[in-house]
Amino acid sequence: MAGPQEVPPASFPMLVSMLATQAAMDLGQLENPVTKKKEINLDFAKHLIDTLGVLETKTQGNLTNEEAAVLTAVLTELRFGFVAAKGGG
């Protein structure tokens, strides 16, 4: 039996990472760990991307340069991925 898992501390980058990972799974970029398959759910992917966009807007001016850069990079990658998954790229 495995020991207890160490839980990472709550942080803005961890929040962005969790949302981005779920969005990537919904875009079919990552395997679903439960089904072991790549699945596409564009409606939920869009919802998560939009949620990250809300975070970007609401936190503007309150993030470190590194946090803002990570959020911008993640959003750019996911938005391009969404267009590609939708058949536009």
Protein backbone atom coordinates (compact mmCIF):
# COMPACT_ATOMS: atom_id res chain seq x y z
CA MET A 1 0.00 0.00 0.00
CA ALA A 2 1.34 3.41 -0.93
CA GLY A 3 1.99 6.03 1.72
CA PRO A 4 0.13 9.31 1.95
CA GLN A 5 0.57 11.62 -1.01
CA GLU A 6 2.19 14.95 -0.36
CA VAL A 7 -0.20 17.73 -1.27
CA PRO A 8 1.47 20.73 -2.88
CA PRO A 9 0.81 24.11 -1.30
CA ALA A 10 -2.04 26.16 -2.72
CA SER A 11 -0.73 28.75 -5.16
CA PHE A 12 -1.74 30.71 -8.22
CA PRO A 13 0.53 28.66 -10.55
CA MET A 14 -1.00 25.44 -9.16
CA LEU A 15 -4.52 26.76 -9.83
CA VAL A 16 -3.57 27.69 -13.40
CA SER A 17 -1.91 24.31 -13.88
CA MET A 18 -4.95 22.38 -12.65
CA LEU A 19 -7.34 24.28 -14.93
CA ALA A 20 -4.97 24.05 -17.89
CA THR A 21 -4.45 20.31 -17.43
CA GLN A 22 -8.19 19.69 -17.40
CA ALA A 23 -8.64 21.90 -20.48
CA ALA A 24 -5.86 20.01 -22.28
CA MET A 25 -7.61 16.73 -21.47
CA ASP A 26 -10.89 18.12 -22.82
CA LEU A 27 -9.09 19.18 -26.00
CA GLY A 28 -7.85 15.61 -26.44
CA GLN A 29 -4.23 16.64 -25.88
CA LEU A 30 -3.80 14.51 -22.76
CA GLU A 31 -5.08 11.09 -21.81
CA ASN A 32 -7.88 10.92 -19.28
CA PRO A 33 -6.27 9.17 -16.27
CA VAL A 34 -9.50 7.29 -15.48
CA THR A 35 -10.38 5.97 -18.95
CA LYS A 36 -6.80 5.91 -20.28
CA LYS A 37 -8.14 7.44 -23.51
CA LYS A 38 -7.86 10.83 -25.17
CA GLU A 39 -11.32 12.35 -25.19
CA ILE A 40 -12.64 15.61 -26.60
CA ASN A 41 -15.23 17.80 -24.89
CA LEU A 42 -14.98 21.18 -26.61
CA ASP A 43 -17.78 22.78 -24.59
CA PHE A 44 -16.02 22.09 -21.30
CA ALA A 45 -12.61 22.97 -22.77
CA LYS A 46 -14.01 26.35 -23.82
CA HIS A 47 -15.49 26.86 -20.35
CA LEU A 48 -12.11 26.21 -18.72
CA ILE A 49 -10.27 28.45 -21.19
CA ASP A 50 -12.83 31.20 -20.57
CA THR A 51 -12.38 30.70 -16.80
CA LEU A 52 -8.62 31.17 -17.19
CA GLY A 53 -9.39 34.30 -19.22
CA VAL A 54 -11.51 35.62 -16.34
CA LEU A 55 -8.59 34.98 -13.98
CA GLU A 56 -6.32 36.89 -16.34
CA THR A 57 -8.69 39.87 -16.40
CA LYS A 58 -9.49 39.89 -12.69
CA THR A 59 -5.86 39.52 -11.56
CA GLN A 60 -4.35 42.05 -13.96
CA GLY A 61 -1.83 44.17 -12.11
CA ASN A 62 -1.81 41.81 -9.11
CA LEU A 63 0.42 39.02 -10.42
CA THR A 64 4.18 38.74 -10.43
CA ASN A 65 5.76 39.01 -13.88
CA GLU A 66 6.38 35.25 -13.80
CA GLU A 67 2.77 34.44 -12.88
CA ALA A 68 1.42 36.73 -15.61
CA ALA A 69 3.78 35.23 -18.19
CA VAL A 70 2.75 31.67 -17.28
CA LEU A 71 -0.95 32.54 -17.49
CA THR A 72 -0.50 34.28 -20.84
CA ALA A 73 1.50 31.37 -22.26
CA VAL A 74 -1.01 28.78 -21.03
CA LEU A 75 -3.95 30.73 -22.45
CA THR A 76 -2.23 31.19 -25.80
CA GLU A 77 -1.44 27.48 -26.08
CA LEU A 78 -4.94 26.41 -25.05
CA ARG A 79 -6.64 28.87 -27.39
CA PHE A 80 -4.59 27.61 -30.35
CA GLY A 81 -5.34 24.05 -29.25
CA PHE A 82 -9.04 24.83 -29.13
CA VAL A 83 -9.02 26.23 -32.68
CA ALA A 84 -7.11 23.17 -33.90
CA ALA A 85 -9.46 20.74 -32.11
CA LYS A 86 -12.45 22.53 -33.58
CA GLY A 87 -11.00 21.97 -37.05
CA GLY A 88 -9.70 25.45 -37.74
CA GLY A 89 -6.01 24.79 -37.70
